[in-house]
Amino acid sequence: MRLTAILLALVLHGLGAAAALAGASSGSMPWREWSDEISQQAQREQRFVLLSLQSWWCPWCHVMEQETYSDPEVQKLVAAHFIPVRVDQDSRPDLSQRYER
């Protein structure tokens, strides 16, 4: 389950699924901060983790926020199947390196 969630998050990230900066408008997307409890919660609830690695210098992060994550249908899909986690990859290079392979 954890590997599947990680792979899905990486695929989404690879397709440009990086979120906008934490300070940007996030609509009603219930973004969470990374913690060790996230993977345990995902396993308990049988949901995937949508890990969105972001950075202030990433133009596609802004596009994803404005075009994708602000869409109510996307928000509904994410809320039903994922635990959305937003991480600043500059602040957490360990996570960025771990999951960008």
PDB file of N, CA and C in Angstrom:
ATOM      1  N   MET A   1       0.832  -1.196   0.000  1.00  0.00           N
ATOM      2  CA  MET A   1       0.000   0.000   0.000  1.00  0.00           C
ATOM      3  C   MET A   1       0.874   1.258   0.000  1.00  0.00           C
ATOM      4  N   ARG A   2       1.884   1.285   0.860  1.00  0.00           N
ATOM      5  CA  ARG A   2       2.739   2.468   0.950  1.00  0.00           C
ATOM      6  C   ARG A   2       3.484   2.686  -0.361  1.00  0.00           C
ATOM      7  N   LEU A   3       4.019   1.622  -0.933  1.00  0.00           N
ATOM      8  CA  LEU A   3       4.742   1.743  -2.197  1.00  0.00           C
ATOM      9  C   LEU A   3       3.816   2.247  -3.299  1.00  0.00           C
ATOM     10  N   THR A   4       2.599   1.742  -3.334  1.00  0.00           N
ATOM     11  CA  THR A   4       1.628   2.188  -4.330  1.00  0.00           C
ATOM     12  C   THR A   4       1.342   3.675  -4.164  1.00  0.00           C
ATOM     13  N   ALA A   5       1.160   4.101  -2.932  1.00  0.00           N
ATOM     14  CA  ALA A   5       0.885   5.513  -2.669  1.00  0.00           C
ATOM     15  C   ALA A   5       2.060   6.384  -3.093  1.00  0.00           C
ATOM     16  N   ILE A   6       3.251   5.929  -2.807  1.00  0.00           N
ATOM     17  CA  ILE A   6       4.444   6.682  -3.179  1.00  0.00           C
ATOM     18  C   ILE A   6       4.574   6.757  -4.695  1.00  0.00           C
ATOM     19  N   LEU A   7       4.381   5.627  -5.362  1.00  0.00           N
ATOM     20  CA  LEU A   7       4.483   5.608  -6.820  1.00  0.00           C
ATOM     21  C   LEU A   7       3.441   6.510  -7.467  1.00  0.00           C
ATOM     22  N   LEU A   8       2.229   6.468  -6.947  1.00  0.00           N
ATOM     23  CA  LEU A   8       1.180   7.318  -7.498  1.00  0.00           C
ATOM     24  C   LEU A   8       1.526   8.791  -7.300  1.00  0.00           C
ATOM     25  N   ALA A   9       2.016   9.121  -6.132  1.00  0.00           N
ATOM     26  CA  ALA A   9       2.403  10.506  -5.876  1.00  0.00           C
ATOM     27  C   ALA A   9       3.516  10.946  -6.820  1.00  0.00           C
ATOM     28  N   LEU A  10       4.467  10.068  -7.072  1.00  0.00           N
ATOM     29  CA  LEU A  10       5.562  10.402  -7.979  1.00  0.00           C
ATOM     30  C   LEU A  10       5.076  10.566  -9.411  1.00  0.00           C
ATOM     31  N   VAL A  11       4.160   9.708  -9.830  1.00  0.00           N
ATOM     32  CA  VAL A  11       3.612   9.824 -11.180  1.00  0.00           C
ATOM     33  C   VAL A  11       2.881  11.153 -11.329  1.00  0.00           C
ATOM     34  N   LEU A  12       2.058  11.475 -10.350  1.00  0.00           N
ATOM     35  CA  LEU A  12       1.337  12.743 -10.409  1.00  0.00           C
ATOM     36  C   LEU A  12       2.304  13.918 -10.410  1.00  0.00           C
ATOM     37  N   HIS A  13       3.335  13.809  -9.594  1.00  0.00           N
ATOM     38  CA  HIS A  13       4.336  14.879  -9.557  1.00  0.00           C
ATOM     39  C   HIS A  13       5.046  14.974 -10.902  1.00  0.00           C
ATOM     40  N   GLY A  14       5.375  13.841 -11.468  1.00  0.00           N
ATOM     41  CA  GLY A  14       6.062  13.817 -12.753  1.00  0.00           C
ATOM     42  C   GLY A  14       5.219  14.403 -13.870  1.00  0.00           C
ATOM     43  N   LEU A  15       3.918  14.363 -13.721  1.00  0.00           N
ATOM     44  CA  LEU A  15       3.016  14.935 -14.722  1.00  0.00           C
ATOM     45  C   LEU A  15       2.737  16.406 -14.464  1.00  0.00           C
ATOM     46  N   GLY A  16       3.443  16.939 -13.506  1.00  0.00           N
ATOM     47  CA  GLY A  16       3.254  18.355 -13.211  1.00  0.00           C
ATOM     48  C   GLY A  16       2.314  18.605 -12.066  1.00  0.00           C
ATOM     49  N   ALA A  17       2.144  17.626 -11.187  1.00  0.00           N
ATOM     50  CA  ALA A  17       1.207  17.766 -10.078  1.00  0.00           C
ATOM     51  C   ALA A  17       1.858  18.376  -8.852  1.00  0.00           C
ATOM     52  N   ALA A  18       2.704  19.328  -9.050  1.00  0.00           N
ATOM     53  CA  ALA A  18       3.300  20.051  -7.923  1.00  0.00           C
ATOM     54  C   ALA A  18       2.344  21.159  -7.517  1.00  0.00           C
ATOM     55  N   ALA A  19       2.158  21.352  -6.269  1.00  0.00           N
ATOM     56  CA  ALA A  19       1.222  22.376  -5.784  1.00  0.00           C
ATOM     57  C   ALA A  19       1.872  23.748  -5.785  1.00  0.00           C
ATOM     58  N   ALA A  20       1.073  24.751  -5.654  1.00  0.00           N
ATOM     59  CA  ALA A  20       1.595  26.107  -5.548  1.00  0.00           C
ATOM     60  C   ALA A  20       2.181  26.328  -4.166  1.00  0.00           C
ATOM     61  N   LEU A  21       2.798  27.435  -4.002  1.00  0.00           N
ATOM     62  CA  LEU A  21       3.426  27.733  -2.721  1.00  0.00           C
ATOM     63  C   LEU A  21       2.404  27.720  -1.600  1.00  0.00           C
ATOM     64  N   ALA A  22       2.848  27.440  -0.403  1.00  0.00           N
ATOM     65  CA  ALA A  22       1.952  27.379   0.748  1.00  0.00           C
ATOM     66  C   ALA A  22       1.223  28.702   0.943  1.00  0.00           C
ATOM     67  N   GLY A  23       1.845  29.796   0.576  1.00  0.00           N
ATOM     68  CA  GLY A  23       1.222  31.097   0.746  1.00  0.00           C
ATOM     69  C   GLY A  23       0.196  31.424  -0.324  1.00  0.00           C
ATOM     70  N   ALA A  24       0.141  30.656  -1.363  1.00  0.00           N
ATOM     71  CA  ALA A  24      -0.815  30.921  -2.436  1.00  0.00           C
ATOM     72  C   ALA A  24      -2.201  30.466  -2.019  1.00  0.00           C
ATOM     73  N   SER A  25      -3.182  30.963  -2.724  1.00  0.00           N
ATOM     74  CA  SER A  25      -4.552  30.563  -2.439  1.00  0.00           C
ATOM     75  C   SER A  25      -4.704  29.063  -2.653  1.00  0.00           C
ATOM     76  N   SER A  26      -5.252  28.401  -1.664  1.00  0.00           N
ATOM     77  CA  SER A  26      -5.369  26.951  -1.773  1.00  0.00           C
ATOM     78  C   SER A  26      -6.812  26.490  -1.875  1.00  0.00           C
ATOM     79  N   GLY A  27      -7.763  27.410  -2.088  1.00  0.00           N
ATOM     80  CA  GLY A  27      -9.151  27.007  -2.212  1.00  0.00           C
ATOM     81  C   GLY A  27      -9.579  26.171  -1.036  1.00  0.00           C
ATOM     82  N   SER A  28     -10.249  25.073  -1.318  1.00  0.00           N
ATOM     83  CA  SER A  28     -10.684  24.210  -0.230  1.00  0.00           C
ATOM     84  C   SER A  28      -9.899  22.902  -0.192  1.00  0.00           C
ATOM     85  N   MET A  29      -8.765  22.849  -0.895  1.00  0.00           N
ATOM     86  CA  MET A  29      -7.933  21.645  -0.842  1.00  0.00           C
ATOM     87  C   MET A  29      -7.379  21.520   0.578  1.00  0.00           C
ATOM     88  N   PRO A  30      -7.647  20.414   1.239  1.00  0.00           N
ATOM     89  CA  PRO A  30      -7.230  20.266   2.648  1.00  0.00           C
ATOM     90  C   PRO A  30      -5.772  19.820   2.790  1.00  0.00           C
ATOM     91  N   TRP A  31      -4.834  20.654   2.372  1.00  0.00           N
ATOM     92  CA  TRP A  31      -3.422  20.289   2.429  1.00  0.00           C
ATOM     93  C   TRP A  31      -2.979  20.044   3.860  1.00  0.00           C
ATOM     94  N   ARG A  32      -2.140  19.029   4.008  1.00  0.00           N
ATOM     95  CA  ARG A  32      -1.565  18.699   5.314  1.00  0.00           C
ATOM     96  C   ARG A  32      -0.058  18.845   5.232  1.00  0.00           C
ATOM     97  N   GLU A  33       0.565  18.982   6.384  1.00  0.00           N
ATOM     98  CA  GLU A  33       2.025  19.008   6.473  1.00  0.00           C
ATOM     99  C   GLU A  33       2.515  17.571   6.572  1.00  0.00           C
ATOM    100  N   TRP A  34       3.747  17.337   6.116  1.00  0.00           N
ATOM    101  CA  TRP A  34       4.335  16.001   6.205  1.00  0.00           C
ATOM    102  C   TRP A  34       4.583  15.643   7.661  1.00  0.00           C
ATOM    103  N   SER A  35       4.248  14.404   8.006  1.00  0.00           N
ATOM    104  CA  SER A  35       4.576  13.861   9.325  1.00  0.00           C
ATOM    105  C   SER A  35       4.662  12.346   9.195  1.00  0.00           C
ATOM    106  N   ASP A  36       5.269  11.719  10.174  1.00  0.00           N
ATOM    107  CA  ASP A  36       5.373  10.263  10.157  1.00  0.00           C
ATOM    108  C   ASP A  36       3.996   9.607  10.255  1.00  0.00           C
ATOM    109  N   GLU A  37       3.040  10.310  10.809  1.00  0.00           N
ATOM    110  CA  GLU A  37       1.697   9.771  10.998  1.00  0.00           C
ATOM    111  C   GLU A  37       0.932   9.643   9.681  1.00  0.00           C
ATOM    112  N   ILE A  38       1.332  10.392   8.667  1.00  0.00           N
ATOM    113  CA  ILE A  38       0.603  10.404   7.389  1.00  0.00           C
ATOM    114  C   ILE A  38       0.511   9.010   6.780  1.00  0.00           C
ATOM    115  N   SER A  39       1.627   8.309   6.675  1.00  0.00           N
ATOM    116  CA  SER A  39       1.593   6.977   6.045  1.00  0.00           C
ATOM    117  C   SER A  39       0.792   5.993   6.886  1.00  0.00           C
ATOM    118  N   GLN A  40       0.839   6.134   8.200  1.00  0.00           N
ATOM    119  CA  GLN A  40       0.033   5.267   9.067  1.00  0.00           C
ATOM    120  C   GLN A  40      -1.453   5.542   8.861  1.00  0.00           C
ATOM    121  N   GLN A  41      -1.808   6.815   8.770  1.00  0.00           N
ATOM    122  CA  GLN A  41      -3.204   7.180   8.527  1.00  0.00           C
ATOM    123  C   GLN A  41      -3.674   6.655   7.175  1.00  0.00           C
ATOM    124  N   ALA A  42      -2.843   6.803   6.158  1.00  0.00           N
ATOM    125  CA  ALA A  42      -3.202   6.326   4.818  1.00  0.00           C
ATOM    126  C   ALA A  42      -3.439   4.824   4.826  1.00  0.00           C
ATOM    127  N   GLN A  43      -2.611   4.109   5.540  1.00  0.00           N
ATOM    128  CA  GLN A  43      -2.776   2.656   5.616  1.00  0.00           C
ATOM    129  C   GLN A  43      -4.064   2.300   6.363  1.00  0.00           C
ATOM    130  N   ARG A  44      -4.317   2.975   7.471  1.00  0.00           N
ATOM    131  CA  ARG A  44      -5.544   2.721   8.246  1.00  0.00           C
ATOM    132  C   ARG A  44      -6.795   2.991   7.418  1.00  0.00           C
ATOM    133  N   GLU A  45      -6.786   4.097   6.693  1.00  0.00           N
ATOM    134  CA  GLU A  45      -7.963   4.529   5.933  1.00  0.00           C
ATOM    135  C   GLU A  45      -7.996   3.974   4.512  1.00  0.00           C
ATOM    136  N   GLN A  46      -6.970   3.221   4.138  1.00  0.00           N
ATOM    137  CA  GLN A  46      -6.842   2.655   2.791  1.00  0.00           C
ATOM    138  C   GLN A  46      -6.998   3.739   1.723  1.00  0.00           C
ATOM    139  N   ARG A  47      -6.225   4.806   1.917  1.00  0.00           N
ATOM    140  CA  ARG A  47      -6.195   5.919   0.970  1.00  0.00           C
ATOM    141  C   ARG A  47      -4.760   6.124   0.510  1.00  0.00           C
ATOM    142  N   PHE A  48      -4.606   6.779  -0.616  1.00  0.00           N
ATOM    143  CA  PHE A  48      -3.290   7.120  -1.134  1.00  0.00           C
ATOM    144  C   PHE A  48      -2.816   8.437  -0.537  1.00  0.00           C
ATOM    145  N   VAL A  49      -1.513   8.654  -0.584  1.00  0.00           N
ATOM    146  CA  VAL A  49      -0.938   9.939  -0.199  1.00  0.00           C
ATOM    147  C   VAL A  49      -0.590  10.694  -1.480  1.00  0.00           C
ATOM    148  N   LEU A  50      -1.151  11.865  -1.631  1.00  0.00           N
ATOM    149  CA  LEU A  50      -0.795  12.744  -2.738  1.00  0.00           C
ATOM    150  C   LEU A  50       0.284  13.675  -2.206  1.00  0.00           C
ATOM    151  N   LEU A  51       1.531  13.345  -2.494  1.00  0.00           N
ATOM    152  CA  LEU A  51       2.666  14.137  -2.019  1.00  0.00           C
ATOM    153  C   LEU A  51       3.026  15.152  -3.088  1.00  0.00           C
ATOM    154  N   SER A  52       2.807  16.397  -2.780  1.00  0.00           N
ATOM    155  CA  SER A  52       3.089  17.475  -3.719  1.00  0.00           C
ATOM    156  C   SER A  52       4.326  18.223  -3.249  1.00  0.00           C
ATOM    157  N   LEU A  53       5.437  17.995  -3.956  1.00  0.00           N
ATOM    158  CA  LEU A  53       6.679  18.704  -3.659  1.00  0.00           C
ATOM    159  C   LEU A  53       6.647  20.028  -4.401  1.00  0.00           C
ATOM    160  N   GLN A  54       6.929  21.109  -3.708  1.00  0.00           N
ATOM    161  CA  GLN A  54       6.823  22.436  -4.295  1.00  0.00           C
ATOM    162  C   GLN A  54       8.058  23.263  -3.983  1.00  0.00           C
ATOM    163  N   SER A  55       8.163  24.382  -4.654  1.00  0.00           N
ATOM    164  CA  SER A  55       9.225  25.332  -4.379  1.00  0.00           C
ATOM    165  C   SER A  55       8.797  26.704  -4.884  1.00  0.00           C
ATOM    166  N   TRP A  56       9.322  27.745  -4.299  1.00  0.00           N
ATOM    167  CA  TRP A  56       8.941  29.107  -4.683  1.00  0.00           C
ATOM    168  C   TRP A  56       9.307  29.409  -6.133  1.00  0.00           C
ATOM    169  N   TRP A  57      10.332  28.753  -6.648  1.00  0.00           N
ATOM    170  CA  TRP A  57      10.823  29.040  -7.991  1.00  0.00           C
ATOM    171  C   TRP A  57      10.133  28.198  -9.069  1.00  0.00           C
ATOM    172  N   CYS A  58       9.169  27.386  -8.699  1.00  0.00           N
ATOM    173  CA  CYS A  58       8.522  26.458  -9.627  1.00  0.00           C
ATOM    174  C   CYS A  58       7.306  27.103 -10.304  1.00  0.00           C
ATOM    175  N   PRO A  59       7.409  27.484 -11.588  1.00  0.00           N
ATOM    176  CA  PRO A  59       6.254  28.099 -12.248  1.00  0.00           C
ATOM    177  C   PRO A  59       5.085  27.135 -12.415  1.00  0.00           C
ATOM    178  N   TRP A  60       5.371  25.844 -12.592  1.00  0.00           N
ATOM    179  CA  TRP A  60       4.285  24.881 -12.777  1.00  0.00           C
ATOM    180  C   TRP A  60       3.501  24.671 -11.492  1.00  0.00           C
ATOM    181  N   CYS A  61       4.101  24.962 -10.361  1.00  0.00           N
ATOM    182  CA  CYS A  61       3.370  24.880  -9.093  1.00  0.00           C
ATOM    183  C   CYS A  61       2.206  25.869  -9.097  1.00  0.00           C
ATOM    184  N   HIS A  62       2.465  27.069  -9.602  1.00  0.00           N
ATOM    185  CA  HIS A  62       1.412  28.087  -9.678  1.00  0.00           C
ATOM    186  C   HIS A  62       0.331  27.674 -10.678  1.00  0.00           C
ATOM    187  N   VAL A  63       0.740  27.100 -11.775  1.00  0.00           N
ATOM    188  CA  VAL A  63      -0.217  26.634 -12.778  1.00  0.00           C
ATOM    189  C   VAL A  63      -1.110  25.545 -12.183  1.00  0.00           C
ATOM    190  N   MET A  64      -0.498  24.597 -11.479  1.00  0.00           N
ATOM    191  CA  MET A  64      -1.292  23.517 -10.874  1.00  0.00           C
ATOM    192  C   MET A  64      -2.304  24.077  -9.881  1.00  0.00           C
ATOM    193  N   GLU A  65      -1.904  25.064  -9.104  1.00  0.00           N
ATOM    194  CA  GLU A  65      -2.823  25.671  -8.137  1.00  0.00           C
ATOM    195  C   GLU A  65      -3.987  26.354  -8.844  1.00  0.00           C
ATOM    196  N   GLN A  66      -3.685  27.123  -9.868  1.00  0.00           N
ATOM    197  CA  GLN A  66      -4.715  27.894 -10.558  1.00  0.00           C
ATOM    198  C   GLN A  66      -5.595  27.054 -11.470  1.00  0.00           C
ATOM    199  N   GLU A  67      -5.009  26.057 -12.123  1.00  0.00           N
ATOM    200  CA  GLU A  67      -5.740  25.297 -13.129  1.00  0.00           C
ATOM    201  C   GLU A  67      -6.294  23.960 -12.632  1.00  0.00           C
ATOM    202  N   THR A  68      -5.631  23.343 -11.694  1.00  0.00           N
ATOM    203  CA  THR A  68      -6.007  21.983 -11.300  1.00  0.00           C
ATOM    204  C   THR A  68      -6.538  21.912  -9.875  1.00  0.00           C
ATOM    205  N   TYR A  69      -5.729  22.327  -8.917  1.00  0.00           N
ATOM    206  CA  TYR A  69      -6.129  22.173  -7.517  1.00  0.00           C
ATOM    207  C   TYR A  69      -7.269  23.093  -7.109  1.00  0.00           C
ATOM    208  N   SER A  70      -7.566  24.113  -7.901  1.00  0.00           N
ATOM    209  CA  SER A  70      -8.703  24.982  -7.605  1.00  0.00           C
ATOM    210  C   SER A  70     -10.007  24.436  -8.184  1.00  0.00           C
ATOM    211  N   ASP A  71      -9.921  23.405  -9.009  1.00  0.00           N
ATOM    212  CA  ASP A  71     -11.091  22.794  -9.640  1.00  0.00           C
ATOM    213  C   ASP A  71     -11.875  21.979  -8.607  1.00  0.00           C
ATOM    214  N   PRO A  72     -13.151  22.279  -8.407  1.00  0.00           N
ATOM    215  CA  PRO A  72     -13.951  21.548  -7.420  1.00  0.00           C
ATOM    216  C   PRO A  72     -14.010  20.042  -7.668  1.00  0.00           C
ATOM    217  N   GLU A  73     -13.993  19.622  -8.927  1.00  0.00           N
ATOM    218  CA  GLU A  73     -14.018  18.180  -9.225  1.00  0.00           C
ATOM    219  C   GLU A  73     -12.723  17.508  -8.780  1.00  0.00           C
ATOM    220  N   VAL A  74     -11.610  18.175  -8.993  1.00  0.00           N
ATOM    221  CA  VAL A  74     -10.321  17.639  -8.541  1.00  0.00           C
ATOM    222  C   VAL A  74     -10.301  17.583  -7.017  1.00  0.00           C
ATOM    223  N   GLN A  75     -10.774  18.622  -6.379  1.00  0.00           N
ATOM    224  CA  GLN A  75     -10.821  18.658  -4.916  1.00  0.00           C
ATOM    225  C   GLN A  75     -11.679  17.517  -4.373  1.00  0.00           C
ATOM    226  N   LYS A  76     -12.790  17.255  -5.039  1.00  0.00           N
ATOM    227  CA  LYS A  76     -13.683  16.170  -4.627  1.00  0.00           C
ATOM    228  C   LYS A  76     -12.992  14.811  -4.771  1.00  0.00           C
ATOM    229  N   LEU A  77     -12.315  14.599  -5.892  1.00  0.00           N
ATOM    230  CA  LEU A  77     -11.591  13.354  -6.135  1.00  0.00           C
ATOM    231  C   LEU A  77     -10.472  13.157  -5.110  1.00  0.00           C
ATOM    232  N   VAL A  78      -9.710  14.204  -4.873  1.00  0.00           N
ATOM    233  CA  VAL A  78      -8.616  14.123  -3.898  1.00  0.00           C
ATOM    234  C   VAL A  78      -9.171  13.830  -2.511  1.00  0.00           C
ATOM    235  N   ALA A  79     -10.229  14.511  -2.118  1.00  0.00           N
ATOM    236  CA  ALA A  79     -10.811  14.298  -0.789  1.00  0.00           C
ATOM    237  C   ALA A  79     -11.308  12.865  -0.606  1.00  0.00           C
ATOM    238  N   ALA A  80     -11.777  12.252  -1.679  1.00  0.00           N
ATOM    239  CA  ALA A  80     -12.330  10.898  -1.586  1.00  0.00           C
ATOM    240  C   ALA A  80     -11.266   9.809  -1.542  1.00  0.00           C
ATOM    241  N   HIS A  81     -10.127  10.035  -2.175  1.00  0.00           N
ATOM    242  CA  HIS A  81      -9.162   8.947  -2.355  1.00  0.00           C
ATOM    243  C   HIS A  81      -7.755   9.209  -1.832  1.00  0.00           C
ATOM    244  N   PHE A  82      -7.469  10.433  -1.436  1.00  0.00           N
ATOM    245  CA  PHE A  82      -6.101  10.789  -1.076  1.00  0.00           C
ATOM    246  C   PHE A  82      -6.022  11.534   0.247  1.00  0.00           C
ATOM    247  N   ILE A  83      -4.845  11.521   0.810  1.00  0.00           N
ATOM    248  CA  ILE A  83      -4.490  12.437   1.883  1.00  0.00           C
ATOM    249  C   ILE A  83      -3.504  13.407   1.239  1.00  0.00           C
ATOM    250  N   PRO A  84      -3.933  14.633   0.969  1.00  0.00           N
ATOM    251  CA  PRO A  84      -3.062  15.574   0.263  1.00  0.00           C
ATOM    252  C   PRO A  84      -2.020  16.188   1.201  1.00  0.00           C
ATOM    253  N   VAL A  85      -0.756  16.045   0.820  1.00  0.00           N
ATOM    254  CA  VAL A  85       0.352  16.548   1.635  1.00  0.00           C
ATOM    255  C   VAL A  85       1.198  17.471   0.775  1.00  0.00           C
ATOM    256  N   ARG A  86       1.444  18.648   1.275  1.00  0.00           N
ATOM    257  CA  ARG A  86       2.225  19.654   0.564  1.00  0.00           C
ATOM    258  C   ARG A  86       3.553  19.844   1.292  1.00  0.00           C
ATOM    259  N   VAL A  87       4.655  19.773   0.533  1.00  0.00           N
ATOM    260  CA  VAL A  87       5.989  19.882   1.122  1.00  0.00           C
ATOM    261  C   VAL A  87       6.823  20.874   0.321  1.00  0.00           C
ATOM    262  N   ASP A  88       7.456  21.797   1.015  1.00  0.00           N
ATOM    263  CA  ASP A  88       8.416  22.700   0.382  1.00  0.00           C
ATOM    264  C   ASP A  88       9.721  21.934   0.240  1.00  0.00           C
ATOM    265  N   GLN A  89      10.062  21.589  -0.988  1.00  0.00           N
ATOM    266  CA  GLN A  89      11.229  20.737  -1.196  1.00  0.00           C
ATOM    267  C   GLN A  89      12.536  21.435  -0.846  1.00  0.00           C
ATOM    268  N   ASP A  90      12.559  22.750  -0.824  1.00  0.00           N
ATOM    269  CA  ASP A  90      13.770  23.453  -0.406  1.00  0.00           C
ATOM    270  C   ASP A  90      13.976  23.351   1.102  1.00  0.00           C
ATOM    271  N   SER A  91      12.882  23.301   1.843  1.00  0.00           N
ATOM    272  CA  SER A  91      12.967  23.154   3.299  1.00  0.00           C
ATOM    273  C   SER A  91      13.167  21.709   3.720  1.00  0.00           C
ATOM    274  N   ARG A  92      12.705  20.780   2.894  1.00  0.00           N
ATOM    275  CA  ARG A  92      12.803  19.354   3.209  1.00  0.00           C
ATOM    276  C   ARG A  92      13.477  18.608   2.069  1.00  0.00           C
ATOM    277  N   PRO A  93      14.772  18.869   1.813  1.00  0.00           N
ATOM    278  CA  PRO A  93      15.448  18.179   0.716  1.00  0.00           C
ATOM    279  C   PRO A  93      15.506  16.668   0.913  1.00  0.00           C
ATOM    280  N   ASP A  94      15.409  16.218   2.160  1.00  0.00           N
ATOM    281  CA  ASP A  94      15.411  14.772   2.416  1.00  0.00           C
ATOM    282  C   ASP A  94      14.208  14.102   1.762  1.00  0.00           C
ATOM    283  N   LEU A  95      13.039  14.718   1.874  1.00  0.00           N
ATOM    284  CA  LEU A  95      11.838  14.145   1.248  1.00  0.00           C
ATOM    285  C   LEU A  95      11.911  14.267  -0.266  1.00  0.00           C
ATOM    286  N   SER A  96      12.388  15.391  -0.723  1.00  0.00           N
ATOM    287  CA  SER A  96      12.527  15.587  -2.160  1.00  0.00           C
ATOM    288  C   SER A  96      13.438  14.525  -2.764  1.00  0.00           C
ATOM    289  N   GLN A  97      14.568  14.287  -2.140  1.00  0.00           N
ATOM    290  CA  GLN A  97      15.511  13.289  -2.648  1.00  0.00           C
ATOM    291  C   GLN A  97      14.951  11.879  -2.533  1.00  0.00           C
ATOM    292  N   ARG A  98      14.217  11.614  -1.471  1.00  0.00           N
ATOM    293  CA  ARG A  98      13.670  10.268  -1.266  1.00  0.00           C
ATOM    294  C   ARG A  98      12.642   9.905  -2.327  1.00  0.00           C
ATOM    295  N   TYR A  99      11.782  10.835  -2.693  1.00  0.00           N
ATOM    296  CA  TYR A  99      10.656  10.504  -3.557  1.00  0.00           C
ATOM    297  C   TYR A  99      10.793  10.967  -5.002  1.00  0.00           C
ATOM    298  N   GLU A 100      11.837  11.658  -5.355  1.00  0.00           N
ATOM    299  CA  GLU A 100      11.996  12.100  -6.741  1.00  0.00           C
ATOM    300  C   GLU A 100      12.824  11.143  -7.574  1.00  0.00           C
ATOM    301  N   ARG A 101      13.096   9.999  -7.078  1.00  0.00           N
ATOM    302  CA  ARG A 101      13.894   9.033  -7.847  1.00  0.00           C
ATOM    303  C   ARG A 101      13.066   8.345  -8.878  1.00  0.00           C
TER     304      ARG A 101
END
